[in-house]
Amino acid sequence: MVEETKKKLSQDQLNVLQKKATEPAFSGKLLNEKRNGTFECAYCGQKIFDSKSKFDSDSGWPSFCEALPGSVTLEEDNSHFMKRTEARCSKCGSHLGHMFNDGPRPKGKRFCINSLAMEFKTKK
């Protein structure tokens, strides 16, 4: 399964998912995605975000105010001289992006996620 998955992903996707890279701001294919559907982990296919939780944060990356229950694990990330909270897929452990506490009310969360870490599936 792992080798099959690696073959279908681009090197840029693998760099984000497995090496914690970040795609350039405003470059992601899912930044302006507004259709009804779900965002899934590009590595394992787990559903992570519903399109209803997506909002425009003007940060340059797709942003969500909440993850689907149990789909994301959060870990302290002190890399690059910053104190952040890393968001990882709870199923396969792949790096998705980061979670910040400056999102919209009532929850105040902003999941700032790399487009390269996700696939979008429309709801029918």
PDB file of N, CA and C in Angstrom:
ATOM      1  N   MET A   1       0.826  -1.206   0.000  1.00  0.00           N
ATOM      2  CA  MET A   1       0.000   0.000   0.000  1.00  0.00           C
ATOM      3  C   MET A   1       0.869   1.269   0.000  1.00  0.00           C
ATOM      4  N   VAL A   2       1.887   1.304   0.836  1.00  0.00           N
ATOM      5  CA  VAL A   2       2.717   2.498   0.955  1.00  0.00           C
ATOM      6  C   VAL A   2       3.437   2.789  -0.358  1.00  0.00           C
ATOM      7  N   GLU A   3       4.012   1.773  -0.983  1.00  0.00           N
ATOM      8  CA  GLU A   3       4.738   1.982  -2.239  1.00  0.00           C
ATOM      9  C   GLU A   3       3.783   2.425  -3.351  1.00  0.00           C
ATOM     10  N   GLU A   4       2.561   1.854  -3.396  1.00  0.00           N
ATOM     11  CA  GLU A   4       1.551   2.266  -4.379  1.00  0.00           C
ATOM     12  C   GLU A   4       1.197   3.729  -4.185  1.00  0.00           C
ATOM     13  N   THR A   5       0.985   4.128  -2.947  1.00  0.00           N
ATOM     14  CA  THR A   5       0.635   5.512  -2.638  1.00  0.00           C
ATOM     15  C   THR A   5       1.750   6.449  -3.067  1.00  0.00           C
ATOM     16  N   LYS A   6       2.972   6.110  -2.753  1.00  0.00           N
ATOM     17  CA  LYS A   6       4.112   6.964  -3.108  1.00  0.00           C
ATOM     18  C   LYS A   6       4.223   7.145  -4.618  1.00  0.00           C
ATOM     19  N   LYS A   7       3.871   6.133  -5.392  1.00  0.00           N
ATOM     20  CA  LYS A   7       3.947   6.219  -6.846  1.00  0.00           C
ATOM     21  C   LYS A   7       2.920   7.192  -7.416  1.00  0.00           C
ATOM     22  N   LYS A   8       1.761   7.306  -6.767  1.00  0.00           N
ATOM     23  CA  LYS A   8       0.712   8.185  -7.299  1.00  0.00           C
ATOM     24  C   LYS A   8       0.891   9.650  -6.887  1.00  0.00           C
ATOM     25  N   LEU A   9       1.746   9.917  -5.919  1.00  0.00           N
ATOM     26  CA  LEU A   9       1.950  11.274  -5.432  1.00  0.00           C
ATOM     27  C   LEU A   9       3.156  11.924  -6.092  1.00  0.00           C
ATOM     28  N   SER A  10       3.082  13.231  -6.279  1.00  0.00           N
ATOM     29  CA  SER A  10       4.220  13.969  -6.829  1.00  0.00           C
ATOM     30  C   SER A  10       5.300  14.132  -5.753  1.00  0.00           C
ATOM     31  N   GLN A  11       6.488  14.496  -6.178  1.00  0.00           N
ATOM     32  CA  GLN A  11       7.573  14.736  -5.223  1.00  0.00           C
ATOM     33  C   GLN A  11       7.213  15.893  -4.293  1.00  0.00           C
ATOM     34  N   ASP A  12       6.551  16.919  -4.823  1.00  0.00           N
ATOM     35  CA  ASP A  12       6.125  18.047  -3.988  1.00  0.00           C
ATOM     36  C   ASP A  12       5.135  17.585  -2.915  1.00  0.00           C
ATOM     37  N   GLN A  13       4.200  16.714  -3.284  1.00  0.00           N
ATOM     38  CA  GLN A  13       3.254  16.188  -2.296  1.00  0.00           C
ATOM     39  C   GLN A  13       3.973  15.383  -1.223  1.00  0.00           C
ATOM     40  N   LEU A  14       4.895  14.526  -1.632  1.00  0.00           N
ATOM     41  CA  LEU A  14       5.647  13.734  -0.651  1.00  0.00           C
ATOM     42  C   LEU A  14       6.478  14.622   0.264  1.00  0.00           C
ATOM     43  N   ASN A  15       7.045  15.695  -0.268  1.00  0.00           N
ATOM     44  CA  ASN A  15       7.809  16.627   0.564  1.00  0.00           C
ATOM     45  C   ASN A  15       6.936  17.253   1.642  1.00  0.00           C
ATOM     46  N   VAL A  16       5.702  17.615   1.303  1.00  0.00           N
ATOM     47  CA  VAL A  16       4.780  18.191   2.286  1.00  0.00           C
ATOM     48  C   VAL A  16       4.330  17.122   3.278  1.00  0.00           C
ATOM     49  N   LEU A  17       3.810  16.022   2.770  1.00  0.00           N
ATOM     50  CA  LEU A  17       3.211  14.992   3.612  1.00  0.00           C
ATOM     51  C   LEU A  17       4.206  14.263   4.515  1.00  0.00           C
ATOM     52  N   GLN A  18       5.403  14.002   4.007  1.00  0.00           N
ATOM     53  CA  GLN A  18       6.348  13.179   4.754  1.00  0.00           C
ATOM     54  C   GLN A  18       7.553  13.944   5.310  1.00  0.00           C
ATOM     55  N   LYS A  19       7.860  15.121   4.732  1.00  0.00           N
ATOM     56  CA  LYS A  19       9.021  15.885   5.194  1.00  0.00           C
ATOM     57  C   LYS A  19       8.643  17.242   5.781  1.00  0.00           C
ATOM     58  N   LYS A  20       7.340  17.472   5.941  1.00  0.00           N
ATOM     59  CA  LYS A  20       6.813  18.686   6.575  1.00  0.00           C
ATOM     60  C   LYS A  20       7.147  19.966   5.815  1.00  0.00           C
ATOM     61  N   ALA A  21       7.258  19.873   4.502  1.00  0.00           N
ATOM     62  CA  ALA A  21       7.480  21.069   3.690  1.00  0.00           C
ATOM     63  C   ALA A  21       6.193  21.883   3.628  1.00  0.00           C
ATOM     64  N   THR A  22       6.303  23.101   3.132  1.00  0.00           N
ATOM     65  CA  THR A  22       5.146  23.980   2.966  1.00  0.00           C
ATOM     66  C   THR A  22       5.134  24.495   1.537  1.00  0.00           C
ATOM     67  N   GLU A  23       3.964  24.400   0.902  1.00  0.00           N
ATOM     68  CA  GLU A  23       3.852  24.937  -0.456  1.00  0.00           C
ATOM     69  C   GLU A  23       3.860  26.465  -0.395  1.00  0.00           C
ATOM     70  N   PRO A  24       4.291  27.131  -1.463  1.00  0.00           N
ATOM     71  CA  PRO A  24       4.285  28.599  -1.459  1.00  0.00           C
ATOM     72  C   PRO A  24       2.873  29.165  -1.283  1.00  0.00           C
ATOM     73  N   ALA A  25       2.775  30.265  -0.568  1.00  0.00           N
ATOM     74  CA  ALA A  25       1.477  30.928  -0.356  1.00  0.00           C
ATOM     75  C   ALA A  25       0.817  31.259  -1.689  1.00  0.00           C
ATOM     76  N   PHE A  26      -0.484  31.118  -1.724  1.00  0.00           N
ATOM     77  CA  PHE A  26      -1.338  31.445  -2.872  1.00  0.00           C
ATOM     78  C   PHE A  26      -1.055  30.579  -4.103  1.00  0.00           C
ATOM     79  N   SER A  27      -0.388  29.447  -3.938  1.00  0.00           N
ATOM     80  CA  SER A  27      -0.072  28.579  -5.079  1.00  0.00           C
ATOM     81  C   SER A  27      -0.930  27.321  -5.140  1.00  0.00           C
ATOM     82  N   GLY A  28      -1.637  26.994  -4.073  1.00  0.00           N
ATOM     83  CA  GLY A  28      -2.333  25.720  -3.986  1.00  0.00           C
ATOM     84  C   GLY A  28      -3.586  25.626  -4.836  1.00  0.00           C
ATOM     85  N   LYS A  29      -3.792  24.449  -5.429  1.00  0.00           N
ATOM     86  CA  LYS A  29      -4.944  24.210  -6.295  1.00  0.00           C
ATOM     87  C   LYS A  29      -6.274  24.251  -5.548  1.00  0.00           C
ATOM     88  N   LEU A  30      -6.267  24.063  -4.235  1.00  0.00           N
ATOM     89  CA  LEU A  30      -7.510  24.028  -3.472  1.00  0.00           C
ATOM     90  C   LEU A  30      -7.810  25.327  -2.734  1.00  0.00           C
ATOM     91  N   LEU A  31      -6.955  26.320  -2.906  1.00  0.00           N
ATOM     92  CA  LEU A  31      -7.135  27.592  -2.198  1.00  0.00           C
ATOM     93  C   LEU A  31      -8.505  28.201  -2.455  1.00  0.00           C
ATOM     94  N   ASN A  32      -8.933  28.206  -3.704  1.00  0.00           N
ATOM     95  CA  ASN A  32     -10.209  28.835  -4.063  1.00  0.00           C
ATOM     96  C   ASN A  32     -11.330  27.831  -4.314  1.00  0.00           C
ATOM     97  N   GLU A  33     -11.167  26.594  -3.849  1.00  0.00           N
ATOM     98  CA  GLU A  33     -12.206  25.571  -4.020  1.00  0.00           C
ATOM     99  C   GLU A  33     -13.424  25.934  -3.180  1.00  0.00           C
ATOM    100  N   LYS A  34     -14.585  26.064  -3.831  1.00  0.00           N
ATOM    101  CA  LYS A  34     -15.797  26.478  -3.122  1.00  0.00           C
ATOM    102  C   LYS A  34     -16.960  25.498  -3.283  1.00  0.00           C
ATOM    103  N   ARG A  35     -16.736  24.389  -3.988  1.00  0.00           N
ATOM    104  CA  ARG A  35     -17.810  23.420  -4.176  1.00  0.00           C
ATOM    105  C   ARG A  35     -18.107  22.652  -2.891  1.00  0.00           C
ATOM    106  N   ASN A  36     -19.266  22.030  -2.856  1.00  0.00           N
ATOM    107  CA  ASN A  36     -19.684  21.217  -1.724  1.00  0.00           C
ATOM    108  C   ASN A  36     -18.979  19.866  -1.807  1.00  0.00           C
ATOM    109  N   GLY A  37     -18.278  19.482  -0.751  1.00  0.00           N
ATOM    110  CA  GLY A  37     -17.584  18.206  -0.750  1.00  0.00           C
ATOM    111  C   GLY A  37     -16.722  18.013   0.469  1.00  0.00           C
ATOM    112  N   THR A  38     -15.772  17.103   0.349  1.00  0.00           N
ATOM    113  CA  THR A  38     -14.864  16.818   1.458  1.00  0.00           C
ATOM    114  C   THR A  38     -13.416  16.885   0.970  1.00  0.00           C
ATOM    115  N   PHE A  39     -12.556  17.253   1.887  1.00  0.00           N
ATOM    116  CA  PHE A  39     -11.123  17.310   1.642  1.00  0.00           C
ATOM    117  C   PHE A  39     -10.518  16.102   2.350  1.00  0.00           C
ATOM    118  N   GLU A  40      -9.750  15.313   1.594  1.00  0.00           N
ATOM    119  CA  GLU A  40      -9.202  14.067   2.114  1.00  0.00           C
ATOM    120  C   GLU A  40      -7.681  14.105   2.123  1.00  0.00           C
ATOM    121  N   CYS A  41      -7.085  13.336   3.022  1.00  0.00           N
ATOM    122  CA  CYS A  41      -5.631  13.206   3.068  1.00  0.00           C
ATOM    123  C   CYS A  41      -5.156  12.622   1.741  1.00  0.00           C
ATOM    124  N   ALA A  42      -4.219  13.281   1.089  1.00  0.00           N
ATOM    125  CA  ALA A  42      -3.708  12.817  -0.199  1.00  0.00           C
ATOM    126  C   ALA A  42      -2.926  11.513  -0.064  1.00  0.00           C
ATOM    127  N   TYR A  43      -2.442  11.217   1.122  1.00  0.00           N
ATOM    128  CA  TYR A  43      -1.632  10.011   1.322  1.00  0.00           C
ATOM    129  C   TYR A  43      -2.492   8.775   1.557  1.00  0.00           C
ATOM    130  N   CYS A  44      -3.478   8.877   2.465  1.00  0.00           N
ATOM    131  CA  CYS A  44      -4.254   7.681   2.826  1.00  0.00           C
ATOM    132  C   CYS A  44      -5.737   7.751   2.464  1.00  0.00           C
ATOM    133  N   GLY A  45      -6.233   8.922   2.086  1.00  0.00           N
ATOM    134  CA  GLY A  45      -7.630   9.045   1.686  1.00  0.00           C
ATOM    135  C   GLY A  45      -8.617   9.313   2.810  1.00  0.00           C
ATOM    136  N   GLN A  46      -8.146   9.459   4.035  1.00  0.00           N
ATOM    137  CA  GLN A  46      -9.073   9.740   5.133  1.00  0.00           C
ATOM    138  C   GLN A  46      -9.725  11.108   4.932  1.00  0.00           C
ATOM    139  N   LYS A  47     -11.038  11.177   5.173  1.00  0.00           N
ATOM    140  CA  LYS A  47     -11.752  12.452   5.113  1.00  0.00           C
ATOM    141  C   LYS A  47     -11.317  13.298   6.302  1.00  0.00           C
ATOM    142  N   ILE A  48     -10.919  14.558   6.015  1.00  0.00           N
ATOM    143  CA  ILE A  48     -10.376  15.413   7.070  1.00  0.00           C
ATOM    144  C   ILE A  48     -11.229  16.653   7.325  1.00  0.00           C
ATOM    145  N   PHE A  49     -11.666  17.307   6.249  1.00  0.00           N
ATOM    146  CA  PHE A  49     -12.454  18.531   6.387  1.00  0.00           C
ATOM    147  C   PHE A  49     -13.685  18.476   5.488  1.00  0.00           C
ATOM    148  N   ASP A  50     -14.784  19.034   5.970  1.00  0.00           N
ATOM    149  CA  ASP A  50     -15.978  19.238   5.159  1.00  0.00           C
ATOM    150  C   ASP A  50     -15.892  20.645   4.572  1.00  0.00           C
ATOM    151  N   SER A  51     -16.376  20.802   3.372  1.00  0.00           N
ATOM    152  CA  SER A  51     -16.306  22.119   2.715  1.00  0.00           C
ATOM    153  C   SER A  51     -17.050  23.198   3.497  1.00  0.00           C
ATOM    154  N   LYS A  52     -18.004  22.810   4.323  1.00  0.00           N
ATOM    155  CA  LYS A  52     -18.757  23.797   5.123  1.00  0.00           C
ATOM    156  C   LYS A  52     -17.867  24.495   6.148  1.00  0.00           C
ATOM    157  N   SER A  53     -16.743  23.885   6.496  1.00  0.00           N
ATOM    158  CA  SER A  53     -15.858  24.494   7.501  1.00  0.00           C
ATOM    159  C   SER A  53     -14.754  25.350   6.861  1.00  0.00           C
ATOM    160  N   LYS A  54     -14.719  25.418   5.533  1.00  0.00           N
ATOM    161  CA  LYS A  54     -13.688  26.185   4.831  1.00  0.00           C
ATOM    162  C   LYS A  54     -14.051  27.666   4.822  1.00  0.00           C
ATOM    163  N   PHE A  55     -13.046  28.510   4.992  1.00  0.00           N
ATOM    164  CA  PHE A  55     -13.265  29.955   4.932  1.00  0.00           C
ATOM    165  C   PHE A  55     -12.041  30.636   4.343  1.00  0.00           C
ATOM    166  N   ASP A  56     -12.226  31.850   3.877  1.00  0.00           N
ATOM    167  CA  ASP A  56     -11.115  32.613   3.285  1.00  0.00           C
ATOM    168  C   ASP A  56     -10.413  33.397   4.381  1.00  0.00           C
ATOM    169  N   SER A  57      -9.210  32.965   4.724  1.00  0.00           N
ATOM    170  CA  SER A  57      -8.440  33.635   5.779  1.00  0.00           C
ATOM    171  C   SER A  57      -7.472  34.660   5.195  1.00  0.00           C
ATOM    172  N   ASP A  58      -7.364  34.694   3.870  1.00  0.00           N
ATOM    173  CA  ASP A  58      -6.423  35.559   3.161  1.00  0.00           C
ATOM    174  C   ASP A  58      -4.981  35.293   3.606  1.00  0.00           C
ATOM    175  N   SER A  59      -4.721  34.046   4.015  1.00  0.00           N
ATOM    176  CA  SER A  59      -3.378  33.664   4.458  1.00  0.00           C
ATOM    177  C   SER A  59      -2.543  33.075   3.320  1.00  0.00           C
ATOM    178  N   GLY A  60      -3.218  32.660   2.251  1.00  0.00           N
ATOM    179  CA  GLY A  60      -2.507  32.045   1.137  1.00  0.00           C
ATOM    180  C   GLY A  60      -2.632  30.534   1.083  1.00  0.00           C
ATOM    181  N   TRP A  61      -3.267  29.939   2.084  1.00  0.00           N
ATOM    182  CA  TRP A  61      -3.488  28.494   2.137  1.00  0.00           C
ATOM    183  C   TRP A  61      -4.957  28.225   2.457  1.00  0.00           C
ATOM    184  N   PRO A  62      -5.488  27.070   2.023  1.00  0.00           N
ATOM    185  CA  PRO A  62      -6.854  26.711   2.401  1.00  0.00           C
ATOM    186  C   PRO A  62      -6.981  26.702   3.923  1.00  0.00           C
ATOM    187  N   SER A  63      -8.055  27.322   4.422  1.00  0.00           N
ATOM    188  CA  SER A  63      -8.263  27.406   5.869  1.00  0.00           C
ATOM    189  C   SER A  63      -9.622  26.837   6.254  1.00  0.00           C
ATOM    190  N   PHE A  64      -9.642  26.178   7.398  1.00  0.00           N
ATOM    191  CA  PHE A  64     -10.844  25.529   7.896  1.00  0.00           C
ATOM    192  C   PHE A  64     -11.006  25.862   9.373  1.00  0.00           C
ATOM    193  N   CYS A  65     -12.266  26.028   9.822  1.00  0.00           N
ATOM    194  CA  CYS A  65     -12.480  26.358  11.237  1.00  0.00           C
ATOM    195  C   CYS A  65     -12.593  25.110  12.112  1.00  0.00           C
ATOM    196  N   GLU A  66     -12.785  23.936  11.488  1.00  0.00           N
ATOM    197  CA  GLU A  66     -12.786  22.700  12.268  1.00  0.00           C
ATOM    198  C   GLU A  66     -12.532  21.504  11.368  1.00  0.00           C
ATOM    199  N   ALA A  67     -11.933  20.479  11.951  1.00  0.00           N
ATOM    200  CA  ALA A  67     -11.687  19.218  11.258  1.00  0.00           C
ATOM    201  C   ALA A  67     -12.825  18.256  11.562  1.00  0.00           C
ATOM    202  N   LEU A  68     -12.988  17.257  10.719  1.00  0.00           N
ATOM    203  CA  LEU A  68     -13.969  16.219  11.019  1.00  0.00           C
ATOM    204  C   LEU A  68     -13.524  15.488  12.282  1.00  0.00           C
ATOM    205  N   PRO A  69     -14.466  15.081  13.130  1.00  0.00           N
ATOM    206  CA  PRO A  69     -14.110  14.452  14.406  1.00  0.00           C
ATOM    207  C   PRO A  69     -13.135  13.280  14.246  1.00  0.00           C
ATOM    208  N   GLY A  70     -12.045  13.345  15.007  1.00  0.00           N
ATOM    209  CA  GLY A  70     -11.063  12.276  15.037  1.00  0.00           C
ATOM    210  C   GLY A  70     -10.133  12.192  13.844  1.00  0.00           C
ATOM    211  N   SER A  71     -10.210  13.137  12.913  1.00  0.00           N
ATOM    212  CA  SER A  71      -9.428  13.034  11.678  1.00  0.00           C
ATOM    213  C   SER A  71      -8.032  13.658  11.761  1.00  0.00           C
ATOM    214  N   VAL A  72      -7.813  14.517  12.731  1.00  0.00           N
ATOM    215  CA  VAL A  72      -6.548  15.249  12.837  1.00  0.00           C
ATOM    216  C   VAL A  72      -5.973  15.111  14.240  1.00  0.00           C
ATOM    217  N   THR A  73      -4.664  14.910  14.302  1.00  0.00           N
ATOM    218  CA  THR A  73      -3.974  14.974  15.584  1.00  0.00           C
ATOM    219  C   THR A  73      -3.144  16.249  15.588  1.00  0.00           C
ATOM    220  N   LEU A  74      -2.986  16.823  16.754  1.00  0.00           N
ATOM    221  CA  LEU A  74      -2.245  18.076  16.902  1.00  0.00           C
ATOM    222  C   LEU A  74      -0.995  17.829  17.730  1.00  0.00           C
ATOM    223  N   GLU A  75       0.131  18.390  17.268  1.00  0.00           N
ATOM    224  CA  GLU A  75       1.407  18.219  17.960  1.00  0.00           C
ATOM    225  C   GLU A  75       2.143  19.543  18.022  1.00  0.00           C
ATOM    226  N   GLU A  76       2.851  19.769  19.102  1.00  0.00           N
ATOM    227  CA  GLU A  76       3.658  20.984  19.238  1.00  0.00           C
ATOM    228  C   GLU A  76       4.748  20.988  18.174  1.00  0.00           C
ATOM    229  N   ASP A  77       4.946  22.140  17.561  1.00  0.00           N
ATOM    230  CA  ASP A  77       5.968  22.296  16.517  1.00  0.00           C
ATOM    231  C   ASP A  77       6.750  23.572  16.806  1.00  0.00           C
ATOM    232  N   ASN A  78       8.003  23.406  17.193  1.00  0.00           N
ATOM    233  CA  ASN A  78       8.860  24.555  17.503  1.00  0.00           C
ATOM    234  C   ASN A  78       9.952  24.756  16.453  1.00  0.00           C
ATOM    235  N   SER A  79       9.725  24.265  15.253  1.00  0.00           N
ATOM    236  CA  SER A  79      10.716  24.406  14.189  1.00  0.00           C
ATOM    237  C   SER A  79      10.731  25.829  13.641  1.00  0.00           C
ATOM    238  N   HIS A  80      11.800  26.152  12.958  1.00  0.00           N
ATOM    239  CA  HIS A  80      11.958  27.463  12.307  1.00  0.00           C
ATOM    240  C   HIS A  80      11.810  28.636  13.285  1.00  0.00           C
ATOM    241  N   PHE A  81      12.193  28.426  14.535  1.00  0.00           N
ATOM    242  CA  PHE A  81      12.161  29.464  15.571  1.00  0.00           C
ATOM    243  C   PHE A  81      10.751  29.996  15.829  1.00  0.00           C
ATOM    244  N   MET A  82       9.745  29.137  15.633  1.00  0.00           N
ATOM    245  CA  MET A  82       8.348  29.522  15.875  1.00  0.00           C
ATOM    246  C   MET A  82       7.706  28.508  16.803  1.00  0.00           C
ATOM    247  N   LYS A  83       6.673  28.950  17.495  1.00  0.00           N
ATOM    248  CA  LYS A  83       5.886  28.048  18.322  1.00  0.00           C
ATOM    249  C   LYS A  83       4.530  27.892  17.633  1.00  0.00           C
ATOM    250  N   ARG A  84       4.315  26.700  17.069  1.00  0.00           N
ATOM    251  CA  ARG A  84       3.086  26.429  16.329  1.00  0.00           C
ATOM    252  C   ARG A  84       2.523  25.078  16.738  1.00  0.00           C
ATOM    253  N   THR A  85       1.322  24.795  16.220  1.00  0.00           N
ATOM    254  CA  THR A  85       0.692  23.506  16.437  1.00  0.00           C
ATOM    255  C   THR A  85       0.534  22.825  15.086  1.00  0.00           C
ATOM    256  N   GLU A  86       1.238  21.713  14.918  1.00  0.00           N
ATOM    257  CA  GLU A  86       1.173  20.971  13.665  1.00  0.00           C
ATOM    258  C   GLU A  86      -0.106  20.152  13.601  1.00  0.00           C
ATOM    259  N   ALA A  87      -0.728  20.114  12.425  1.00  0.00           N
ATOM    260  CA  ALA A  87      -1.908  19.281  12.166  1.00  0.00           C
ATOM    261  C   ALA A  87      -1.465  18.098  11.319  1.00  0.00           C
ATOM    262  N   ARG A  88      -1.755  16.883  11.815  1.00  0.00           N
ATOM    263  CA  ARG A  88      -1.373  15.656  11.115  1.00  0.00           C
ATOM    264  C   ARG A  88      -2.604  14.781  10.912  1.00  0.00           C
ATOM    265  N   CYS A  89      -2.601  14.000   9.861  1.00  0.00           N
ATOM    266  CA  CYS A  89      -3.674  13.038   9.623  1.00  0.00           C
ATOM    267  C   CYS A  89      -3.630  11.992  10.735  1.00  0.00           C
ATOM    268  N   SER A  90      -4.762  11.746  11.369  1.00  0.00           N
ATOM    269  CA  SER A  90      -4.777  10.794  12.486  1.00  0.00           C
ATOM    270  C   SER A  90      -4.644   9.344  12.017  1.00  0.00           C
ATOM    271  N   LYS A  91      -4.913   9.086  10.757  1.00  0.00           N
ATOM    272  CA  LYS A  91      -4.833   7.710  10.250  1.00  0.00           C
ATOM    273  C   LYS A  91      -3.405   7.328   9.855  1.00  0.00           C
ATOM    274  N   CYS A  92      -2.731   8.178   9.073  1.00  0.00           N
ATOM    275  CA  CYS A  92      -1.408   7.810   8.565  1.00  0.00           C
ATOM    276  C   CYS A  92      -0.271   8.664   9.127  1.00  0.00           C
ATOM    277  N   GLY A  93      -0.600   9.724   9.854  1.00  0.00           N
ATOM    278  CA  GLY A  93       0.420  10.572  10.465  1.00  0.00           C
ATOM    279  C   GLY A  93       1.040  11.602   9.541  1.00  0.00           C
ATOM    280  N   SER A  94       0.532  11.732   8.318  1.00  0.00           N
ATOM    281  CA  SER A  94       1.098  12.694   7.375  1.00  0.00           C
ATOM    282  C   SER A  94       0.892  14.130   7.832  1.00  0.00           C
ATOM    283  N   HIS A  95       1.873  14.953   7.527  1.00  0.00           N
ATOM    284  CA  HIS A  95       1.812  16.388   7.819  1.00  0.00           C
ATOM    285  C   HIS A  95       0.807  17.042   6.879  1.00  0.00           C
ATOM    286  N   LEU A  96      -0.115  17.820   7.451  1.00  0.00           N
ATOM    287  CA  LEU A  96      -1.126  18.531   6.661  1.00  0.00           C
ATOM    288  C   LEU A  96      -0.848  20.025   6.624  1.00  0.00           C
ATOM    289  N   GLY A  97      -0.472  20.569   7.764  1.00  0.00           N
ATOM    290  CA  GLY A  97      -0.248  22.001   7.907  1.00  0.00           C
ATOM    291  C   GLY A  97      -0.198  22.342   9.381  1.00  0.00           C
ATOM    292  N   HIS A  98      -0.809  23.485   9.754  1.00  0.00           N
ATOM    293  CA  HIS A  98      -0.782  23.929  11.146  1.00  0.00           C
ATOM    294  C   HIS A  98      -2.145  24.453  11.584  1.00  0.00           C
ATOM    295  N   MET A  99      -2.369  24.470  12.883  1.00  0.00           N
ATOM    296  CA  MET A  99      -3.592  24.999  13.466  1.00  0.00           C
ATOM    297  C   MET A  99      -3.218  26.199  14.321  1.00  0.00           C
ATOM    298  N   PHE A 100      -3.957  27.291  14.125  1.00  0.00           N
ATOM    299  CA  PHE A 100      -3.732  28.521  14.877  1.00  0.00           C
ATOM    300  C   PHE A 100      -5.007  28.897  15.610  1.00  0.00           C
ATOM    301  N   ASN A 101      -4.880  29.699  16.635  1.00  0.00           N
ATOM    302  CA  ASN A 101      -6.034  30.124  17.436  1.00  0.00           C
ATOM    303  C   ASN A 101      -6.515  31.518  17.048  1.00  0.00           C
ATOM    304  N   ASP A 102      -6.498  31.830  15.764  1.00  0.00           N
ATOM    305  CA  ASP A 102      -6.943  33.147  15.304  1.00  0.00           C
ATOM    306  C   ASP A 102      -8.060  33.038  14.260  1.00  0.00           C
ATOM    307  N   GLY A 103      -8.810  31.961  14.325  1.00  0.00           N
ATOM    308  CA  GLY A 103      -9.895  31.731  13.367  1.00  0.00           C
ATOM    309  C   GLY A 103     -11.205  32.369  13.791  1.00  0.00           C
ATOM    310  N   PRO A 104     -12.243  32.160  12.983  1.00  0.00           N
ATOM    311  CA  PRO A 104     -13.543  32.770  13.270  1.00  0.00           C
ATOM    312  C   PRO A 104     -14.202  32.181  14.519  1.00  0.00           C
ATOM    313  N   ARG A 105     -15.017  32.958  15.125  1.00  0.00           N
ATOM    314  CA  ARG A 105     -15.795  32.521  16.286  1.00  0.00           C
ATOM    315  C   ARG A 105     -16.893  31.590  15.809  1.00  0.00           C
ATOM    316  N   PRO A 106     -17.387  30.673  16.586  1.00  0.00           N
ATOM    317  CA  PRO A 106     -17.208  30.592  18.033  1.00  0.00           C
ATOM    318  C   PRO A 106     -15.977  29.793  18.465  1.00  0.00           C
ATOM    319  N   LYS A 107     -15.412  28.948  17.597  1.00  0.00           N
ATOM    320  CA  LYS A 107     -14.317  28.078  18.023  1.00  0.00           C
ATOM    321  C   LYS A 107     -12.951  28.750  17.983  1.00  0.00           C
ATOM    322  N   GLY A 108     -12.772  29.728  17.111  1.00  0.00           N
ATOM    323  CA  GLY A 108     -11.516  30.462  17.048  1.00  0.00           C
ATOM    324  C   GLY A 108     -10.342  29.696  16.459  1.00  0.00           C
ATOM    325  N   LYS A 109     -10.616  28.580  15.790  1.00  0.00           N
ATOM    326  CA  LYS A 109      -9.546  27.771  15.208  1.00  0.00           C
ATOM    327  C   LYS A 109      -9.374  28.097  13.727  1.00  0.00           C
ATOM    328  N   ARG A 110      -8.116  28.042  13.264  1.00  0.00           N
ATOM    329  CA  ARG A 110      -7.821  28.171  11.836  1.00  0.00           C
ATOM    330  C   ARG A 110      -6.824  27.083  11.477  1.00  0.00           C
ATOM    331  N   PHE A 111      -7.327  26.070  10.785  1.00  0.00           N
ATOM    332  CA  PHE A 111      -6.472  25.023  10.260  1.00  0.00           C
ATOM    333  C   PHE A 111      -5.950  25.525   8.920  1.00  0.00           C
ATOM    334  N   CYS A 112      -4.678  25.798   8.849  1.00  0.00           N
ATOM    335  CA  CYS A 112      -4.009  26.333   7.672  1.00  0.00           C
ATOM    336  C   CYS A 112      -3.326  25.146   6.995  1.00  0.00           C
ATOM    337  N   ILE A 113      -3.901  24.675   5.882  1.00  0.00           N
ATOM    338  CA  ILE A 113      -3.540  23.373   5.322  1.00  0.00           C
ATOM    339  C   ILE A 113      -2.979  23.503   3.909  1.00  0.00           C
ATOM    340  N   ASN A 114      -1.950  22.748   3.619  1.00  0.00           N
ATOM    341  CA  ASN A 114      -1.364  22.709   2.281  1.00  0.00           C
ATOM    342  C   ASN A 114      -2.304  22.013   1.300  1.00  0.00           C
ATOM    343  N   SER A 115      -2.547  22.634   0.152  1.00  0.00           N
ATOM    344  CA  SER A 115      -3.340  21.978  -0.895  1.00  0.00           C
ATOM    345  C   SER A 115      -2.707  20.659  -1.317  1.00  0.00           C
ATOM    346  N   LEU A 116      -1.378  20.623  -1.353  1.00  0.00           N
ATOM    347  CA  LEU A 116      -0.675  19.412  -1.765  1.00  0.00           C
ATOM    348  C   LEU A 116      -0.927  18.231  -0.827  1.00  0.00           C
ATOM    349  N   ALA A 117      -1.386  18.493   0.381  1.00  0.00           N
ATOM    350  CA  ALA A 117      -1.642  17.437   1.352  1.00  0.00           C
ATOM    351  C   ALA A 117      -3.046  16.852   1.230  1.00  0.00           C
ATOM    352  N   MET A 118      -3.858  17.429   0.335  1.00  0.00           N
ATOM    353  CA  MET A 118      -5.259  17.009   0.258  1.00  0.00           C
ATOM    354  C   MET A 118      -5.705  16.723  -1.169  1.00  0.00           C
ATOM    355  N   GLU A 119      -6.781  15.960  -1.247  1.00  0.00           N
ATOM    356  CA  GLU A 119      -7.543  15.754  -2.476  1.00  0.00           C
ATOM    357  C   GLU A 119      -8.959  16.197  -2.163  1.00  0.00           C
ATOM    358  N   PHE A 120      -9.651  16.749  -3.147  1.00  0.00           N
ATOM    359  CA  PHE A 120     -11.025  17.203  -2.945  1.00  0.00           C
ATOM    360  C   PHE A 120     -11.981  16.269  -3.662  1.00  0.00           C
ATOM    361  N   LYS A 121     -13.036  15.867  -2.968  1.00  0.00           N
ATOM    362  CA  LYS A 121     -14.079  15.017  -3.553  1.00  0.00           C
ATOM    363  C   LYS A 121     -15.416  15.751  -3.434  1.00  0.00           C
ATOM    364  N   THR A 122     -16.071  15.954  -4.562  1.00  0.00           N
ATOM    365  CA  THR A 122     -17.364  16.652  -4.542  1.00  0.00           C
ATOM    366  C   THR A 122     -18.440  15.712  -3.991  1.00  0.00           C
ATOM    367  N   LYS A 123     -19.427  16.341  -3.307  1.00  0.00           N
ATOM    368  CA  LYS A 123     -20.584  15.597  -2.831  1.00  0.00           C
ATOM    369  C   LYS A 123     -21.614  15.606  -3.950  1.00  0.00           C
ATOM    370  N   LYS A 124     -22.250  14.493  -4.129  1.00  0.00           N
ATOM    371  CA  LYS A 124     -23.261  14.402  -5.182  1.00  0.00           C
ATOM    372  C   LYS A 124     -24.638  14.664  -4.652  1.00  0.00           C
TER     373      LYS A 124
END
